[in-house]
Amino acid sequence: MTVFLDGPRMPPARGGKADALVILLHGYGSNGADLISLAPYWAGALPGAAFVSPNAIESVPQVPGGYQWFPISNLDPHLMEQGAKNAAQSVDRFIDRELEKYGLDESRLVLVGFSQGAMMSLYVGLRRAKPIAGILGFSGVLVGRNLKEEMRSKPPVLLIHGDRDPTIPIAAMFDSAEQLAAAEHGAQWHVSYGVPHSIGQDGLDLGGAFLASRLKTKAITPAR
Protein backbone atom coordinates (compact mmCIF):
# COMPACT_ATOMS: atom_id res chain seq x y z
CA MET A 1 0.00 0.00 0.00
CA THR A 2 1.32 3.42 -0.97
CA VAL A 3 1.02 6.15 1.64
CA PHE A 4 0.98 9.82 0.66
CA LEU A 5 3.97 11.46 2.38
CA ASP A 6 4.60 15.07 3.30
CA GLY A 7 6.44 17.03 5.94
CA PRO A 8 8.36 20.20 6.82
CA ARG A 9 10.19 22.07 4.09
CA MET A 10 12.85 24.73 3.72
CA PRO A 11 13.01 26.63 0.40
CA PRO A 12 16.28 27.63 -1.29
CA ALA A 13 18.24 30.08 0.86
CA ARG A 14 18.85 32.36 -2.11
CA GLY A 15 15.16 32.37 -3.02
CA GLY A 16 13.72 31.61 -6.42
CA LYS A 17 13.53 28.27 -8.19
CA ALA A 18 15.34 25.31 -6.64
CA ASP A 19 18.27 23.88 -8.60
CA ALA A 20 18.69 20.85 -6.31
CA LEU A 21 16.66 18.80 -3.86
CA VAL A 22 17.67 17.21 -0.57
CA ILE A 23 15.18 14.74 0.91
CA LEU A 24 15.79 13.87 4.57
CA LEU A 25 14.36 10.65 6.02
CA HIS A 26 14.11 10.57 9.81
CA GLY A 27 14.65 7.73 12.25
CA TYR A 28 12.28 5.49 14.18
CA GLY A 29 9.98 7.34 16.58
CA SER A 30 10.99 10.75 15.24
CA ASN A 31 9.42 12.99 12.60
CA GLY A 32 10.19 15.32 9.74
CA ALA A 33 10.38 18.36 12.01
CA ASP A 34 13.37 16.79 13.74
CA LEU A 35 15.46 16.10 10.66
CA ILE A 36 14.61 19.28 8.77
CA SER A 37 16.64 20.98 11.52
CA LEU A 38 19.74 19.83 9.60
CA ALA A 39 18.85 22.02 6.63
CA PRO A 40 20.02 25.36 8.10
CA TYR A 41 23.49 23.88 8.68
CA TRP A 42 23.82 23.11 4.98
CA ALA A 43 21.87 25.92 3.36
CA GLY A 44 24.96 28.13 3.01
CA ALA A 45 26.73 25.42 1.03
CA LEU A 46 23.60 24.69 -1.01
CA PRO A 47 21.91 28.07 -1.54
CA GLY A 48 19.87 26.79 -4.46
CA ALA A 49 18.65 23.59 -2.81
CA ALA A 50 15.19 22.92 -1.47
CA PHE A 51 15.00 20.66 1.59
CA VAL A 52 12.05 18.47 2.55
CA SER A 53 11.70 15.99 5.41
CA PRO A 54 8.55 13.84 5.17
CA ASN A 55 6.98 12.12 8.14
CA ALA A 56 7.27 8.34 7.83
CA ILE A 57 4.38 6.17 6.70
CA GLU A 58 2.82 5.33 10.07
CA SER A 59 2.59 6.52 13.66
CA VAL A 60 4.46 4.77 16.46
CA PRO A 61 2.05 3.49 19.13
CA GLN A 62 2.33 5.37 22.44
CA VAL A 63 4.79 7.89 20.95
CA PRO A 64 2.97 11.19 20.37
CA GLY A 65 4.26 12.84 17.22
CA GLY A 66 6.51 9.85 16.45
CA TYR A 67 6.55 8.01 13.13
CA GLN A 68 8.16 4.86 11.74
CA TRP A 69 9.00 3.59 8.29
CA PHE A 70 8.31 0.11 9.63
CA PRO A 71 7.89 -1.50 13.07
CA ILE A 72 11.17 -2.55 14.62
CA SER A 73 11.96 -4.09 17.98
CA ASN A 74 15.41 -5.44 17.16
CA LEU A 75 17.87 -5.56 14.29
CA ASP A 76 16.50 -8.78 12.78
CA PRO A 77 17.69 -8.55 9.15
CA HIS A 78 14.66 -10.35 7.74
CA LEU A 79 12.18 -8.06 9.48
CA MET A 80 14.14 -4.97 8.46
CA GLU A 81 14.29 -6.07 4.84
CA GLN A 82 10.56 -6.76 4.68
CA GLY A 83 9.80 -3.48 6.42
CA ALA A 84 12.01 -1.47 4.07
CA LYS A 85 10.50 -3.21 1.05
CA ASN A 86 6.97 -2.39 2.22
CA ALA A 87 7.79 1.28 2.79
CA ALA A 88 9.87 1.72 -0.38
CA GLN A 89 6.93 2.25 -2.71
CA SER A 90 5.70 5.23 -0.68
CA VAL A 91 9.20 6.75 -0.60
CA ASP A 92 9.68 6.22 -4.34
CA ARG A 93 6.34 7.84 -5.08
CA PHE A 94 7.28 10.79 -2.87
CA ILE A 95 10.62 11.20 -4.66
CA ASP A 96 8.93 11.13 -8.08
CA ARG A 97 6.37 13.71 -6.99
CA GLU A 98 8.98 16.06 -5.50
CA LEU A 99 11.24 15.89 -8.54
CA GLU A 100 8.29 16.69 -10.77
CA LYS A 101 7.23 19.54 -8.48
CA TYR A 102 10.62 21.22 -8.71
CA GLY A 103 11.25 20.35 -12.35
CA LEU A 104 14.42 18.41 -11.48
CA ASP A 105 15.80 15.02 -12.42
CA GLU A 106 17.56 12.42 -10.30
CA SER A 107 20.99 13.95 -10.93
CA ARG A 108 19.94 16.89 -8.71
CA LEU A 109 18.73 14.79 -5.78
CA VAL A 110 20.51 13.56 -2.66
CA LEU A 111 18.83 11.34 -0.08
CA VAL A 112 19.88 11.88 3.54
CA GLY A 113 18.81 9.43 6.22
CA PHE A 114 19.33 8.97 9.94
CA SER A 115 19.06 5.52 11.56
CA GLN A 116 15.92 3.87 10.13
CA GLY A 117 15.82 6.72 7.61
CA ALA A 118 19.34 5.75 6.50
CA MET A 119 18.09 2.20 5.96
CA MET A 120 15.33 3.58 3.73
CA SER A 121 17.65 5.95 1.86
CA LEU A 122 20.01 3.12 0.99
CA TYR A 123 17.25 0.65 0.18
CA VAL A 124 15.39 3.02 -2.15
CA GLY A 125 18.31 4.96 -3.59
CA LEU A 126 20.19 1.89 -4.79
CA ARG A 127 17.11 0.41 -6.46
CA ARG A 128 16.03 3.38 -8.56
CA ALA A 129 16.60 2.97 -12.28
CA LYS A 130 18.13 6.42 -12.74
CA PRO A 131 21.04 7.16 -10.38
CA ILE A 132 20.49 9.96 -7.90
CA ALA A 133 23.34 12.33 -7.05
CA GLY A 134 24.18 10.64 -3.75
CA ILE A 135 23.10 8.94 -0.53
CA LEU A 136 24.22 10.22 2.88
CA GLY A 137 23.51 7.80 5.72
CA PHE A 138 23.96 8.59 9.41
CA SER A 139 23.92 5.84 12.07
CA GLY A 140 22.16 3.28 9.89
CA VAL A 141 22.66 -0.08 8.29
CA LEU A 142 22.24 -1.55 4.81
CA VAL A 143 19.26 -3.90 4.66
CA GLY A 144 18.45 -6.44 1.96
CA ARG A 145 20.08 -9.78 1.22
CA ASN A 146 20.07 -9.60 -2.57
CA LEU A 147 21.52 -6.18 -3.26
CA LYS A 148 23.71 -7.29 -6.16
CA GLU A 149 20.69 -8.67 -7.99
CA GLU A 150 18.32 -5.84 -7.04
CA MET A 151 20.63 -2.82 -7.37
CA ARG A 152 19.67 -0.79 -10.43
CA SER A 153 22.05 2.16 -10.06
CA LYS A 154 25.19 3.05 -8.15
CA PRO A 155 25.02 6.55 -6.69
CA PRO A 156 27.91 7.69 -4.48
CA VAL A 157 27.39 6.74 -0.83
CA LEU A 158 28.79 8.29 2.36
CA LEU A 159 28.19 6.51 5.67
CA ILE A 160 28.81 8.31 8.98
CA HIS A 161 28.50 6.59 12.35
CA GLY A 162 29.37 7.33 15.96
CA ASP A 163 31.69 4.90 17.71
CA ARG A 164 29.64 5.19 20.93
CA ASP A 165 26.32 4.24 19.33
CA PRO A 166 24.40 1.86 21.63
CA THR A 167 21.37 1.59 19.34
CA ILE A 168 22.98 0.54 16.07
CA PRO A 169 26.59 -0.44 16.84
CA ILE A 170 29.30 1.00 14.63
CA ALA A 171 30.03 -2.51 13.34
CA ALA A 172 26.87 -2.05 11.27
CA MET A 173 28.58 0.65 9.23
CA PHE A 174 31.52 -1.59 8.40
CA ASP A 175 29.17 -4.46 7.56
CA SER A 176 27.24 -2.14 5.25
CA ALA A 177 30.41 -1.02 3.48
CA GLU A 178 31.45 -4.64 3.01
CA GLN A 179 28.04 -5.57 1.62
CA LEU A 180 28.20 -2.70 -0.85
CA ALA A 181 31.64 -3.84 -1.97
CA ALA A 182 30.40 -7.43 -2.35
CA ALA A 183 27.61 -6.09 -4.58
CA GLU A 184 30.28 -4.42 -6.75
CA HIS A 185 29.54 -0.96 -5.48
CA GLY A 186 31.22 0.87 -2.61
CA ALA A 187 30.99 3.63 -0.04
CA GLN A 188 33.01 6.28 1.69
CA TRP A 189 32.72 6.11 5.45
CA HIS A 190 33.64 8.11 8.51
CA VAL A 191 33.79 7.31 12.23
CA SER A 192 32.60 10.08 14.57
CA TYR A 193 34.61 9.44 17.73
CA GLY A 194 32.80 9.89 21.02
CA VAL A 195 29.42 10.29 19.33
CA PRO A 196 26.42 8.13 20.38
CA HIS A 197 23.28 7.53 18.28
CA SER A 198 23.26 11.07 16.93
CA ILE A 199 25.09 13.37 14.52
CA GLY A 200 28.25 15.14 15.68
CA GLN A 201 29.69 18.38 14.36
CA ASP A 202 32.19 16.46 12.24
CA GLY A 203 29.29 14.55 10.68
CA LEU A 204 27.48 17.79 9.91
CA ASP A 205 30.58 19.26 8.29
CA LEU A 206 31.43 16.16 6.24
CA GLY A 207 27.81 15.67 5.30
CA GLY A 208 27.57 19.23 4.05
CA ALA A 209 30.75 18.85 2.02
CA PHE A 210 29.41 15.62 0.49
CA LEU A 211 26.12 17.27 -0.46
CA ALA A 212 27.92 20.25 -1.97
CA SER A 213 30.29 18.04 -3.96
CA ARG A 214 27.47 15.88 -5.29
CA LEU A 215 25.28 18.83 -6.19
CA LYS A 216 28.21 20.77 -7.62
CA THR A 217 28.20 23.80 -5.39
CA LYS A 218 31.04 25.25 -3.36
CA ALA A 219 31.00 24.21 0.31
CA ILE A 220 31.45 26.82 3.00
CA THR A 221 32.13 26.38 6.68
CA PRO A 222 28.77 26.07 8.47
CA ALA A 223 27.96 28.43 11.32
CA ARG A 224 28.63 27.09 14.81
C-alpha atoms as a PDB file:
ATOM      1  CA  MET A   1       0.000   0.000   0.000  1.00  0.00           C
ATOM      2  CA  THR A   2       1.317   3.415  -0.971  1.00  0.00           C
ATOM      3  CA  VAL A   3       1.019   6.154   1.644  1.00  0.00           C
ATOM      4  CA  PHE A   4       0.983   9.824   0.657  1.00  0.00           C
ATOM      5  CA  LEU A   5       3.968  11.460   2.383  1.00  0.00           C
ATOM      6  CA  ASP A   6       4.603  15.068   3.298  1.00  0.00           C
ATOM      7  CA  GLY A   7       6.438  17.033   5.939  1.00  0.00           C
ATOM      8  CA  PRO A   8       8.362  20.195   6.818  1.00  0.00           C
ATOM      9  CA  ARG A   9      10.185  22.067   4.089  1.00  0.00           C
ATOM     10  CA  MET A  10      12.848  24.735   3.718  1.00  0.00           C
ATOM     11  CA  PRO A  11      13.011  26.632   0.401  1.00  0.00           C
ATOM     12  CA  PRO A  12      16.278  27.626  -1.291  1.00  0.00           C
ATOM     13  CA  ALA A  13      18.239  30.076   0.860  1.00  0.00           C
ATOM     14  CA  ARG A  14      18.848  32.355  -2.108  1.00  0.00           C
ATOM     15  CA  GLY A  15      15.163  32.370  -3.022  1.00  0.00           C
ATOM     16  CA  GLY A  16      13.725  31.607  -6.423  1.00  0.00           C
ATOM     17  CA  LYS A  17      13.531  28.268  -8.188  1.00  0.00           C
ATOM     18  CA  ALA A  18      15.343  25.309  -6.635  1.00  0.00           C
ATOM     19  CA  ASP A  19      18.268  23.882  -8.600  1.00  0.00           C
ATOM     20  CA  ALA A  20      18.691  20.854  -6.312  1.00  0.00           C
ATOM     21  CA  LEU A  21      16.659  18.804  -3.862  1.00  0.00           C
ATOM     22  CA  VAL A  22      17.668  17.211  -0.570  1.00  0.00           C
ATOM     23  CA  ILE A  23      15.178  14.737   0.913  1.00  0.00           C
ATOM     24  CA  LEU A  24      15.788  13.873   4.574  1.00  0.00           C
ATOM     25  CA  LEU A  25      14.363  10.654   6.023  1.00  0.00           C
ATOM     26  CA  HIS A  26      14.105  10.574   9.809  1.00  0.00           C
ATOM     27  CA  GLY A  27      14.654   7.728  12.251  1.00  0.00           C
ATOM     28  CA  TYR A  28      12.284   5.490  14.181  1.00  0.00           C
ATOM     29  CA  GLY A  29       9.976   7.338  16.576  1.00  0.00           C
ATOM     30  CA  SER A  30      10.993  10.752  15.236  1.00  0.00           C
ATOM     31  CA  ASN A  31       9.421  12.992  12.600  1.00  0.00           C
ATOM     32  CA  GLY A  32      10.186  15.323   9.736  1.00  0.00           C
ATOM     33  CA  ALA A  33      10.379  18.364  12.007  1.00  0.00           C
ATOM     34  CA  ASP A  34      13.375  16.790  13.741  1.00  0.00           C
ATOM     35  CA  LEU A  35      15.465  16.096  10.660  1.00  0.00           C
ATOM     36  CA  ILE A  36      14.608  19.284   8.767  1.00  0.00           C
ATOM     37  CA  SER A  37      16.644  20.984  11.515  1.00  0.00           C
ATOM     38  CA  LEU A  38      19.742  19.831   9.602  1.00  0.00           C
ATOM     39  CA  ALA A  39      18.849  22.024   6.633  1.00  0.00           C
ATOM     40  CA  PRO A  40      20.018  25.365   8.100  1.00  0.00           C
ATOM     41  CA  TYR A  41      23.493  23.883   8.676  1.00  0.00           C
ATOM     42  CA  TRP A  42      23.824  23.106   4.979  1.00  0.00           C
ATOM     43  CA  ALA A  43      21.865  25.923   3.364  1.00  0.00           C
ATOM     44  CA  GLY A  44      24.960  28.131   3.014  1.00  0.00           C
ATOM     45  CA  ALA A  45      26.726  25.416   1.028  1.00  0.00           C
ATOM     46  CA  LEU A  46      23.596  24.689  -1.006  1.00  0.00           C
ATOM     47  CA  PRO A  47      21.909  28.074  -1.537  1.00  0.00           C
ATOM     48  CA  GLY A  48      19.869  26.790  -4.462  1.00  0.00           C
ATOM     49  CA  ALA A  49      18.650  23.594  -2.808  1.00  0.00           C
ATOM     50  CA  ALA A  50      15.193  22.918  -1.474  1.00  0.00           C
ATOM     51  CA  PHE A  51      14.996  20.660   1.586  1.00  0.00           C
ATOM     52  CA  VAL A  52      12.052  18.467   2.552  1.00  0.00           C
ATOM     53  CA  SER A  53      11.704  15.987   5.412  1.00  0.00           C
ATOM     54  CA  PRO A  54       8.550  13.845   5.174  1.00  0.00           C
ATOM     55  CA  ASN A  55       6.984  12.116   8.141  1.00  0.00           C
ATOM     56  CA  ALA A  56       7.266   8.338   7.828  1.00  0.00           C
ATOM     57  CA  ILE A  57       4.376   6.170   6.701  1.00  0.00           C
ATOM     58  CA  GLU A  58       2.821   5.325  10.075  1.00  0.00           C
ATOM     59  CA  SER A  59       2.593   6.515  13.661  1.00  0.00           C
ATOM     60  CA  VAL A  60       4.462   4.765  16.457  1.00  0.00           C
ATOM     61  CA  PRO A  61       2.055   3.487  19.133  1.00  0.00           C
ATOM     62  CA  GLN A  62       2.334   5.370  22.443  1.00  0.00           C
ATOM     63  CA  VAL A  63       4.794   7.889  20.953  1.00  0.00           C
ATOM     64  CA  PRO A  64       2.967  11.194  20.373  1.00  0.00           C
ATOM     65  CA  GLY A  65       4.255  12.841  17.215  1.00  0.00           C
ATOM     66  CA  GLY A  66       6.509   9.854  16.448  1.00  0.00           C
ATOM     67  CA  TYR A  67       6.550   8.007  13.126  1.00  0.00           C
ATOM     68  CA  GLN A  68       8.158   4.858  11.744  1.00  0.00           C
ATOM     69  CA  TRP A  69       8.997   3.589   8.291  1.00  0.00           C
ATOM     70  CA  PHE A  70       8.312   0.111   9.627  1.00  0.00           C
ATOM     71  CA  PRO A  71       7.892  -1.497  13.070  1.00  0.00           C
ATOM     72  CA  ILE A  72      11.168  -2.547  14.617  1.00  0.00           C
ATOM     73  CA  SER A  73      11.956  -4.090  17.984  1.00  0.00           C
ATOM     74  CA  ASN A  74      15.411  -5.438  17.163  1.00  0.00           C
ATOM     75  CA  LEU A  75      17.874  -5.560  14.293  1.00  0.00           C
ATOM     76  CA  ASP A  76      16.499  -8.780  12.782  1.00  0.00           C
ATOM     77  CA  PRO A  77      17.695  -8.550   9.147  1.00  0.00           C
ATOM     78  CA  HIS A  78      14.659 -10.355   7.736  1.00  0.00           C
ATOM     79  CA  LEU A  79      12.184  -8.057   9.476  1.00  0.00           C
ATOM     80  CA  MET A  80      14.142  -4.969   8.464  1.00  0.00           C
ATOM     81  CA  GLU A  81      14.286  -6.072   4.838  1.00  0.00           C
ATOM     82  CA  GLN A  82      10.562  -6.757   4.678  1.00  0.00           C
ATOM     83  CA  GLY A  83       9.800  -3.483   6.419  1.00  0.00           C
ATOM     84  CA  ALA A  84      12.006  -1.471   4.066  1.00  0.00           C
ATOM     85  CA  LYS A  85      10.497  -3.211   1.053  1.00  0.00           C
ATOM     86  CA  ASN A  86       6.965  -2.395   2.217  1.00  0.00           C
ATOM     87  CA  ALA A  87       7.791   1.284   2.787  1.00  0.00           C
ATOM     88  CA  ALA A  88       9.865   1.725  -0.376  1.00  0.00           C
ATOM     89  CA  GLN A  89       6.928   2.249  -2.705  1.00  0.00           C
ATOM     90  CA  SER A  90       5.699   5.229  -0.685  1.00  0.00           C
ATOM     91  CA  VAL A  91       9.195   6.754  -0.600  1.00  0.00           C
ATOM     92  CA  ASP A  92       9.679   6.219  -4.339  1.00  0.00           C
ATOM     93  CA  ARG A  93       6.345   7.842  -5.079  1.00  0.00           C
ATOM     94  CA  PHE A  94       7.283  10.794  -2.868  1.00  0.00           C
ATOM     95  CA  ILE A  95      10.623  11.198  -4.659  1.00  0.00           C
ATOM     96  CA  ASP A  96       8.927  11.131  -8.075  1.00  0.00           C
ATOM     97  CA  ARG A  97       6.368  13.707  -6.994  1.00  0.00           C
ATOM     98  CA  GLU A  98       8.975  16.055  -5.499  1.00  0.00           C
ATOM     99  CA  LEU A  99      11.242  15.892  -8.542  1.00  0.00           C
ATOM    100  CA  GLU A 100       8.288  16.692 -10.767  1.00  0.00           C
ATOM    101  CA  LYS A 101       7.228  19.541  -8.485  1.00  0.00           C
ATOM    102  CA  TYR A 102      10.621  21.223  -8.710  1.00  0.00           C
ATOM    103  CA  GLY A 103      11.253  20.352 -12.351  1.00  0.00           C
ATOM    104  CA  LEU A 104      14.418  18.408 -11.483  1.00  0.00           C
ATOM    105  CA  ASP A 105      15.801  15.020 -12.425  1.00  0.00           C
ATOM    106  CA  GLU A 106      17.565  12.418 -10.303  1.00  0.00           C
ATOM    107  CA  SER A 107      20.986  13.948 -10.928  1.00  0.00           C
ATOM    108  CA  ARG A 108      19.940  16.885  -8.713  1.00  0.00           C
ATOM    109  CA  LEU A 109      18.728  14.789  -5.778  1.00  0.00           C
ATOM    110  CA  VAL A 110      20.513  13.560  -2.658  1.00  0.00           C
ATOM    111  CA  LEU A 111      18.830  11.341  -0.077  1.00  0.00           C
ATOM    112  CA  VAL A 112      19.880  11.877   3.537  1.00  0.00           C
ATOM    113  CA  GLY A 113      18.807   9.435   6.224  1.00  0.00           C
ATOM    114  CA  PHE A 114      19.329   8.968   9.939  1.00  0.00           C
ATOM    115  CA  SER A 115      19.055   5.517  11.564  1.00  0.00           C
ATOM    116  CA  GLN A 116      15.919   3.873  10.126  1.00  0.00           C
ATOM    117  CA  GLY A 117      15.822   6.718   7.608  1.00  0.00           C
ATOM    118  CA  ALA A 118      19.343   5.746   6.502  1.00  0.00           C
ATOM    119  CA  MET A 119      18.086   2.195   5.959  1.00  0.00           C
ATOM    120  CA  MET A 120      15.327   3.581   3.735  1.00  0.00           C
ATOM    121  CA  SER A 121      17.650   5.952   1.859  1.00  0.00           C
ATOM    122  CA  LEU A 122      20.005   3.124   0.992  1.00  0.00           C
ATOM    123  CA  TYR A 123      17.245   0.652   0.175  1.00  0.00           C
ATOM    124  CA  VAL A 124      15.394   3.018  -2.148  1.00  0.00           C
ATOM    125  CA  GLY A 125      18.312   4.963  -3.586  1.00  0.00           C
ATOM    126  CA  LEU A 126      20.189   1.886  -4.787  1.00  0.00           C
ATOM    127  CA  ARG A 127      17.107   0.411  -6.463  1.00  0.00           C
ATOM    128  CA  ARG A 128      16.029   3.383  -8.560  1.00  0.00           C
ATOM    129  CA  ALA A 129      16.604   2.971 -12.276  1.00  0.00           C
ATOM    130  CA  LYS A 130      18.128   6.418 -12.736  1.00  0.00           C
ATOM    131  CA  PRO A 131      21.037   7.165 -10.383  1.00  0.00           C
ATOM    132  CA  ILE A 132      20.489   9.958  -7.899  1.00  0.00           C
ATOM    133  CA  ALA A 133      23.344  12.329  -7.047  1.00  0.00           C
ATOM    134  CA  GLY A 134      24.182  10.637  -3.747  1.00  0.00           C
ATOM    135  CA  ILE A 135      23.104   8.938  -0.533  1.00  0.00           C
ATOM    136  CA  LEU A 136      24.217  10.215   2.882  1.00  0.00           C
ATOM    137  CA  GLY A 137      23.508   7.797   5.720  1.00  0.00           C
ATOM    138  CA  PHE A 138      23.959   8.586   9.409  1.00  0.00           C
ATOM    139  CA  SER A 139      23.919   5.838  12.075  1.00  0.00           C
ATOM    140  CA  GLY A 140      22.161   3.282   9.895  1.00  0.00           C
ATOM    141  CA  VAL A 141      22.663  -0.084   8.285  1.00  0.00           C
ATOM    142  CA  LEU A 142      22.242  -1.552   4.813  1.00  0.00           C
ATOM    143  CA  VAL A 143      19.262  -3.897   4.657  1.00  0.00           C
ATOM    144  CA  GLY A 144      18.452  -6.441   1.962  1.00  0.00           C
ATOM    145  CA  ARG A 145      20.084  -9.782   1.224  1.00  0.00           C
ATOM    146  CA  ASN A 146      20.072  -9.595  -2.569  1.00  0.00           C
ATOM    147  CA  LEU A 147      21.520  -6.183  -3.257  1.00  0.00           C
ATOM    148  CA  LYS A 148      23.712  -7.286  -6.157  1.00  0.00           C
ATOM    149  CA  GLU A 149      20.687  -8.668  -7.993  1.00  0.00           C
ATOM    150  CA  GLU A 150      18.319  -5.841  -7.041  1.00  0.00           C
ATOM    151  CA  MET A 151      20.625  -2.825  -7.365  1.00  0.00           C
ATOM    152  CA  ARG A 152      19.672  -0.787 -10.428  1.00  0.00           C
ATOM    153  CA  SER A 153      22.048   2.156 -10.059  1.00  0.00           C
ATOM    154  CA  LYS A 154      25.194   3.050  -8.155  1.00  0.00           C
ATOM    155  CA  PRO A 155      25.015   6.550  -6.688  1.00  0.00           C
ATOM    156  CA  PRO A 156      27.905   7.687  -4.478  1.00  0.00           C
ATOM    157  CA  VAL A 157      27.389   6.741  -0.831  1.00  0.00           C
ATOM    158  CA  LEU A 158      28.786   8.293   2.356  1.00  0.00           C
ATOM    159  CA  LEU A 159      28.191   6.509   5.674  1.00  0.00           C
ATOM    160  CA  ILE A 160      28.812   8.307   8.978  1.00  0.00           C
ATOM    161  CA  HIS A 161      28.499   6.586  12.346  1.00  0.00           C
ATOM    162  CA  GLY A 162      29.367   7.335  15.960  1.00  0.00           C
ATOM    163  CA  ASP A 163      31.691   4.898  17.712  1.00  0.00           C
ATOM    164  CA  ARG A 164      29.640   5.191  20.934  1.00  0.00           C
ATOM    165  CA  ASP A 165      26.319   4.241  19.327  1.00  0.00           C
ATOM    166  CA  PRO A 166      24.398   1.859  21.635  1.00  0.00           C
ATOM    167  CA  THR A 167      21.372   1.594  19.337  1.00  0.00           C
ATOM    168  CA  ILE A 168      22.983   0.538  16.067  1.00  0.00           C
ATOM    169  CA  PRO A 169      26.594  -0.437  16.836  1.00  0.00           C
ATOM    170  CA  ILE A 170      29.302   0.996  14.629  1.00  0.00           C
ATOM    171  CA  ALA A 171      30.029  -2.509  13.340  1.00  0.00           C
ATOM    172  CA  ALA A 172      26.866  -2.055  11.268  1.00  0.00           C
ATOM    173  CA  MET A 173      28.581   0.655   9.230  1.00  0.00           C
ATOM    174  CA  PHE A 174      31.519  -1.588   8.400  1.00  0.00           C
ATOM    175  CA  ASP A 175      29.170  -4.464   7.557  1.00  0.00           C
ATOM    176  CA  SER A 176      27.240  -2.137   5.252  1.00  0.00           C
ATOM    177  CA  ALA A 177      30.412  -1.017   3.480  1.00  0.00           C
ATOM    178  CA  GLU A 178      31.454  -4.642   3.008  1.00  0.00           C
ATOM    179  CA  GLN A 179      28.041  -5.573   1.616  1.00  0.00           C
ATOM    180  CA  LEU A 180      28.198  -2.700  -0.847  1.00  0.00           C
ATOM    181  CA  ALA A 181      31.637  -3.845  -1.966  1.00  0.00           C
ATOM    182  CA  ALA A 182      30.399  -7.426  -2.349  1.00  0.00           C
ATOM    183  CA  ALA A 183      27.611  -6.091  -4.576  1.00  0.00           C
ATOM    184  CA  GLU A 184      30.278  -4.423  -6.755  1.00  0.00           C
ATOM    185  CA  HIS A 185      29.542  -0.956  -5.478  1.00  0.00           C
ATOM    186  CA  GLY A 186      31.223   0.868  -2.609  1.00  0.00           C
ATOM    187  CA  ALA A 187      30.989   3.628  -0.039  1.00  0.00           C
ATOM    188  CA  GLN A 188      33.012   6.277   1.687  1.00  0.00           C
ATOM    189  CA  TRP A 189      32.725   6.108   5.448  1.00  0.00           C
ATOM    190  CA  HIS A 190      33.636   8.109   8.513  1.00  0.00           C
ATOM    191  CA  VAL A 191      33.786   7.314  12.235  1.00  0.00           C
ATOM    192  CA  SER A 192      32.595  10.078  14.571  1.00  0.00           C
ATOM    193  CA  TYR A 193      34.607   9.440  17.735  1.00  0.00           C
ATOM    194  CA  GLY A 194      32.801   9.895  21.022  1.00  0.00           C
ATOM    195  CA  VAL A 195      29.416  10.291  19.328  1.00  0.00           C
ATOM    196  CA  PRO A 196      26.421   8.125  20.376  1.00  0.00           C
ATOM    197  CA  HIS A 197      23.275   7.530  18.279  1.00  0.00           C
ATOM    198  CA  SER A 198      23.258  11.075  16.928  1.00  0.00           C
ATOM    199  CA  ILE A 199      25.086  13.371  14.520  1.00  0.00           C
ATOM    200  CA  GLY A 200      28.245  15.137  15.684  1.00  0.00           C
ATOM    201  CA  GLN A 201      29.689  18.382  14.356  1.00  0.00           C
ATOM    202  CA  ASP A 202      32.185  16.459  12.236  1.00  0.00           C
ATOM    203  CA  GLY A 203      29.292  14.553  10.684  1.00  0.00           C
ATOM    204  CA  LEU A 204      27.475  17.795   9.905  1.00  0.00           C
ATOM    205  CA  ASP A 205      30.583  19.261   8.286  1.00  0.00           C
ATOM    206  CA  LEU A 206      31.431  16.155   6.244  1.00  0.00           C
ATOM    207  CA  GLY A 207      27.812  15.665   5.296  1.00  0.00           C
ATOM    208  CA  GLY A 208      27.570  19.229   4.046  1.00  0.00           C
ATOM    209  CA  ALA A 209      30.754  18.850   2.018  1.00  0.00           C
ATOM    210  CA  PHE A 210      29.407  15.617   0.494  1.00  0.00           C
ATOM    211  CA  LEU A 211      26.122  17.267  -0.461  1.00  0.00           C
ATOM    212  CA  ALA A 212      27.922  20.250  -1.969  1.00  0.00           C
ATOM    213  CA  SER A 213      30.289  18.039  -3.965  1.00  0.00           C
ATOM    214  CA  ARG A 214      27.473  15.882  -5.294  1.00  0.00           C
ATOM    215  CA  LEU A 215      25.276  18.833  -6.194  1.00  0.00           C
ATOM    216  CA  LYS A 216      28.208  20.774  -7.623  1.00  0.00           C
ATOM    217  CA  THR A 217      28.202  23.802  -5.394  1.00  0.00           C
ATOM    218  CA  LYS A 218      31.037  25.251  -3.355  1.00  0.00           C
ATOM    219  CA  ALA A 219      30.998  24.213   0.305  1.00  0.00           C
ATOM    220  CA  ILE A 220      31.445  26.824   3.004  1.00  0.00           C
ATOM    221  CA  THR A 221      32.127  26.380   6.682  1.00  0.00           C
ATOM    222  CA  PRO A 222      28.771  26.074   8.475  1.00  0.00           C
ATOM    223  CA  ALA A 223      27.960  28.433  11.321  1.00  0.00           C
ATOM    224  CA  ARG A 224      28.625  27.095  14.806  1.00  0.00           C
END
